[in-house]
N, C-alpha and C. Protein backbone atom coordinates (compact mmCIF):
# COMPACT_ATOMS: atom_id res chain seq x y z
N MET A 1 131.22 10.25 -37.20
CA MET A 1 129.83 10.54 -36.94
C MET A 1 129.23 9.37 -36.16
N HIS A 2 128.68 9.66 -35.01
CA HIS A 2 128.08 8.62 -34.19
C HIS A 2 126.61 8.48 -34.56
N PHE A 3 126.17 7.22 -34.74
CA PHE A 3 124.79 6.97 -35.11
C PHE A 3 124.40 5.57 -34.65
N GLU A 4 123.09 5.34 -34.65
CA GLU A 4 122.53 4.05 -34.26
C GLU A 4 121.60 3.58 -35.37
N VAL A 5 121.75 2.33 -35.80
CA VAL A 5 120.88 1.78 -36.83
C VAL A 5 119.58 1.34 -36.18
N LEU A 6 118.45 1.82 -36.73
CA LEU A 6 117.13 1.46 -36.23
C LEU A 6 116.52 0.46 -37.20
N GLY A 7 116.16 -0.71 -36.74
CA GLY A 7 115.54 -1.71 -37.61
C GLY A 7 116.56 -2.45 -38.45
N GLU A 8 116.09 -2.96 -39.59
CA GLU A 8 116.93 -3.77 -40.46
C GLU A 8 117.58 -2.94 -41.54
N ILE A 9 118.69 -3.44 -42.06
CA ILE A 9 119.34 -2.83 -43.21
C ILE A 9 118.77 -3.52 -44.45
N THR A 10 118.26 -2.74 -45.40
CA THR A 10 117.64 -3.29 -46.60
C THR A 10 118.50 -2.99 -47.83
N ARG A 11 118.14 -3.62 -48.94
CA ARG A 11 118.83 -3.44 -50.22
C ARG A 11 120.33 -3.64 -50.08
N VAL A 12 120.73 -4.72 -49.42
CA VAL A 12 122.15 -5.00 -49.17
C VAL A 12 122.81 -5.50 -50.45
N GLU A 13 123.97 -4.92 -50.77
CA GLU A 13 124.76 -5.31 -51.93
C GLU A 13 126.20 -5.50 -51.51
N VAL A 14 126.88 -6.47 -52.12
CA VAL A 14 128.31 -6.66 -51.91
C VAL A 14 129.06 -5.74 -52.86
N ILE A 15 129.98 -4.94 -52.33
CA ILE A 15 130.77 -4.02 -53.14
C ILE A 15 132.10 -4.65 -53.52
N ALA A 16 132.76 -5.31 -52.56
CA ALA A 16 134.08 -5.89 -52.81
C ALA A 16 134.27 -7.12 -51.93
N VAL A 17 135.11 -8.04 -52.40
CA VAL A 17 135.41 -9.27 -51.66
C VAL A 17 136.92 -9.52 -51.72
N GLY A 18 137.48 -9.95 -50.60
CA GLY A 18 138.88 -10.39 -50.56
C GLY A 18 139.89 -9.29 -50.87
N ARG A 19 140.82 -9.60 -51.77
CA ARG A 19 141.94 -8.68 -52.02
C ARG A 19 141.55 -7.38 -52.68
N SER A 20 140.34 -7.27 -53.21
CA SER A 20 139.91 -6.00 -53.80
C SER A 20 139.51 -4.97 -52.75
N ILE A 21 139.51 -5.34 -51.46
CA ILE A 21 139.24 -4.42 -50.37
C ILE A 21 140.54 -3.71 -50.01
N ARG A 22 140.54 -2.39 -50.08
CA ARG A 22 141.76 -1.61 -49.81
C ARG A 22 142.24 -1.75 -48.37
N LEU A 23 141.33 -1.87 -47.42
CA LEU A 23 141.69 -1.92 -46.01
C LEU A 23 141.89 -3.35 -45.49
N LEU A 24 142.03 -4.32 -46.38
CA LEU A 24 142.12 -5.72 -45.97
C LEU A 24 143.25 -5.98 -44.96
N PRO A 25 144.47 -5.46 -45.17
CA PRO A 25 145.51 -5.71 -44.15
C PRO A 25 145.14 -5.17 -42.77
N LEU A 26 144.51 -4.00 -42.72
CA LEU A 26 144.09 -3.42 -41.44
C LEU A 26 143.01 -4.28 -40.79
N LEU A 27 142.03 -4.74 -41.57
CA LEU A 27 140.96 -5.58 -41.03
C LEU A 27 141.51 -6.88 -40.46
N ARG A 28 142.42 -7.51 -41.19
CA ARG A 28 143.01 -8.76 -40.70
C ARG A 28 143.84 -8.56 -39.45
N LYS A 29 144.58 -7.46 -39.38
CA LYS A 29 145.41 -7.18 -38.21
C LYS A 29 144.55 -6.87 -36.98
N ARG A 30 143.52 -6.06 -37.17
CA ARG A 30 142.70 -5.60 -36.06
C ARG A 30 141.67 -6.64 -35.60
N TYR A 31 141.03 -7.35 -36.55
CA TYR A 31 139.91 -8.23 -36.20
C TYR A 31 140.15 -9.71 -36.48
N GLY A 32 141.21 -10.05 -37.21
CA GLY A 32 141.50 -11.44 -37.51
C GLY A 32 141.21 -11.79 -38.96
N SER A 33 141.72 -12.93 -39.38
CA SER A 33 141.51 -13.34 -40.76
C SER A 33 140.12 -13.92 -40.92
N GLY A 34 139.61 -13.81 -42.09
CA GLY A 34 138.29 -14.31 -42.43
C GLY A 34 137.99 -13.95 -43.87
N ARG A 35 136.83 -14.32 -44.35
CA ARG A 35 136.43 -13.97 -45.72
C ARG A 35 135.76 -12.60 -45.66
N TRP A 36 136.58 -11.55 -45.73
CA TRP A 36 136.09 -10.20 -45.59
C TRP A 36 135.36 -9.74 -46.83
N ARG A 37 134.23 -9.03 -46.62
CA ARG A 37 133.45 -8.45 -47.69
C ARG A 37 133.09 -7.02 -47.32
N LYS A 38 133.04 -6.13 -48.31
CA LYS A 38 132.54 -4.78 -48.08
C LYS A 38 131.14 -4.74 -48.63
N LEU A 39 130.19 -4.26 -47.82
CA LEU A 39 128.78 -4.24 -48.20
C LEU A 39 128.20 -2.84 -48.06
N LYS A 40 127.07 -2.63 -48.73
CA LYS A 40 126.33 -1.38 -48.57
C LYS A 40 124.84 -1.71 -48.53
N GLY A 41 124.08 -0.82 -47.90
CA GLY A 41 122.64 -1.01 -47.81
C GLY A 41 121.97 0.26 -47.31
N HIS A 42 120.64 0.23 -47.29
CA HIS A 42 119.86 1.37 -46.81
C HIS A 42 119.33 1.07 -45.42
N ALA A 43 119.40 2.06 -44.54
CA ALA A 43 118.93 1.87 -43.17
C ALA A 43 118.40 3.18 -42.61
N THR A 44 117.49 3.05 -41.66
CA THR A 44 117.03 4.20 -40.88
C THR A 44 117.99 4.35 -39.71
N VAL A 45 118.55 5.54 -39.54
CA VAL A 45 119.55 5.76 -38.49
C VAL A 45 119.14 6.92 -37.59
N ARG A 46 119.55 6.83 -36.33
CA ARG A 46 119.37 7.94 -35.38
C ARG A 46 120.73 8.57 -35.18
N LEU A 47 120.84 9.85 -35.48
CA LEU A 47 122.10 10.57 -35.36
C LEU A 47 122.33 11.03 -33.92
N ALA A 48 123.52 11.52 -33.65
CA ALA A 48 123.89 11.95 -32.30
C ALA A 48 123.00 13.08 -31.79
N ASP A 49 122.48 13.91 -32.69
CA ASP A 49 121.61 15.02 -32.26
C ASP A 49 120.16 14.59 -32.06
N GLY A 50 119.85 13.30 -32.28
CA GLY A 50 118.52 12.77 -32.04
C GLY A 50 117.64 12.69 -33.27
N SER A 51 118.07 13.27 -34.38
CA SER A 51 117.26 13.23 -35.60
C SER A 51 117.32 11.83 -36.23
N VAL A 52 116.24 11.46 -36.90
CA VAL A 52 116.14 10.15 -37.55
C VAL A 52 116.09 10.37 -39.05
N ARG A 53 116.98 9.70 -39.79
CA ARG A 53 117.07 9.87 -41.24
C ARG A 53 117.30 8.53 -41.91
N VAL A 54 117.03 8.48 -43.20
CA VAL A 54 117.32 7.30 -44.02
C VAL A 54 118.67 7.55 -44.68
N ALA A 55 119.57 6.56 -44.59
CA ALA A 55 120.92 6.74 -45.10
C ALA A 55 121.41 5.49 -45.80
N GLU A 56 122.39 5.69 -46.69
CA GLU A 56 123.13 4.57 -47.26
C GLU A 56 124.33 4.33 -46.35
N VAL A 57 124.45 3.12 -45.84
CA VAL A 57 125.55 2.79 -44.93
C VAL A 57 126.46 1.76 -45.60
N HIS A 58 127.75 1.87 -45.32
CA HIS A 58 128.76 0.93 -45.80
C HIS A 58 129.43 0.30 -44.59
N TRP A 59 129.81 -0.98 -44.70
CA TRP A 59 130.49 -1.67 -43.61
C TRP A 59 131.27 -2.85 -44.14
N PHE A 60 132.14 -3.40 -43.29
CA PHE A 60 132.90 -4.60 -43.60
C PHE A 60 132.35 -5.73 -42.74
N GLU A 61 132.37 -6.96 -43.27
CA GLU A 61 131.80 -8.09 -42.56
C GLU A 61 132.58 -9.35 -42.92
N ALA A 62 132.77 -10.21 -41.92
CA ALA A 62 133.38 -11.52 -42.14
C ALA A 62 132.62 -12.54 -41.30
N HIS A 63 132.52 -13.75 -41.81
CA HIS A 63 131.82 -14.82 -41.11
C HIS A 63 132.48 -15.09 -39.77
N GLY A 64 131.70 -15.12 -38.71
CA GLY A 64 132.22 -15.37 -37.38
C GLY A 64 132.77 -14.14 -36.68
N ILE A 65 132.90 -13.03 -37.40
CA ILE A 65 133.43 -11.79 -36.82
C ILE A 65 132.33 -10.74 -36.74
N GLY A 66 131.51 -10.63 -37.77
CA GLY A 66 130.38 -9.71 -37.77
C GLY A 66 130.67 -8.40 -38.47
N LYS A 67 129.76 -7.43 -38.30
CA LYS A 67 129.88 -6.12 -38.95
C LYS A 67 130.91 -5.27 -38.23
N ARG A 68 131.76 -4.62 -38.99
CA ARG A 68 132.78 -3.74 -38.43
C ARG A 68 132.91 -2.48 -39.28
N LYS A 69 133.31 -1.39 -38.66
CA LYS A 69 133.61 -0.11 -39.32
C LYS A 69 132.44 0.40 -40.15
N MET A 70 131.25 0.41 -39.56
CA MET A 70 130.07 0.91 -40.26
C MET A 70 130.12 2.43 -40.33
N ARG A 71 129.74 2.98 -41.50
CA ARG A 71 129.72 4.43 -41.65
C ARG A 71 128.61 4.84 -42.60
N ILE A 72 128.18 6.08 -42.46
CA ILE A 72 127.16 6.66 -43.34
C ILE A 72 127.86 7.21 -44.57
N LYS A 73 127.41 6.79 -45.73
CA LYS A 73 127.99 7.29 -46.98
C LYS A 73 127.22 8.50 -47.47
N ARG A 74 125.86 8.42 -47.47
CA ARG A 74 125.04 9.57 -47.89
C ARG A 74 123.64 9.42 -47.30
N PHE A 75 122.96 10.56 -47.20
CA PHE A 75 121.58 10.57 -46.73
C PHE A 75 120.66 10.48 -47.93
N LEU A 76 119.57 9.72 -47.79
CA LEU A 76 118.67 9.45 -48.91
C LEU A 76 117.35 10.20 -48.81
N ASP A 77 117.11 10.89 -47.71
CA ASP A 77 115.85 11.64 -47.58
C ASP A 77 116.03 13.12 -47.74
């Protein structure tokens, strides 16, 4: 699903860190080693059809690498 995050992501929580991340080998191979964390938060997103909704988004992040593999988990509105 293609989408664009509008504004800031709020209510950010860490879900998993380090070896507890299932995709850790893939993240290290594709983006490099780092202190990988899986996070979730609430954001206003614009979907491919142009509609704007509030959603819970999940992503992976490492210092110096940034946000990767962001996806919408559920809609909140």
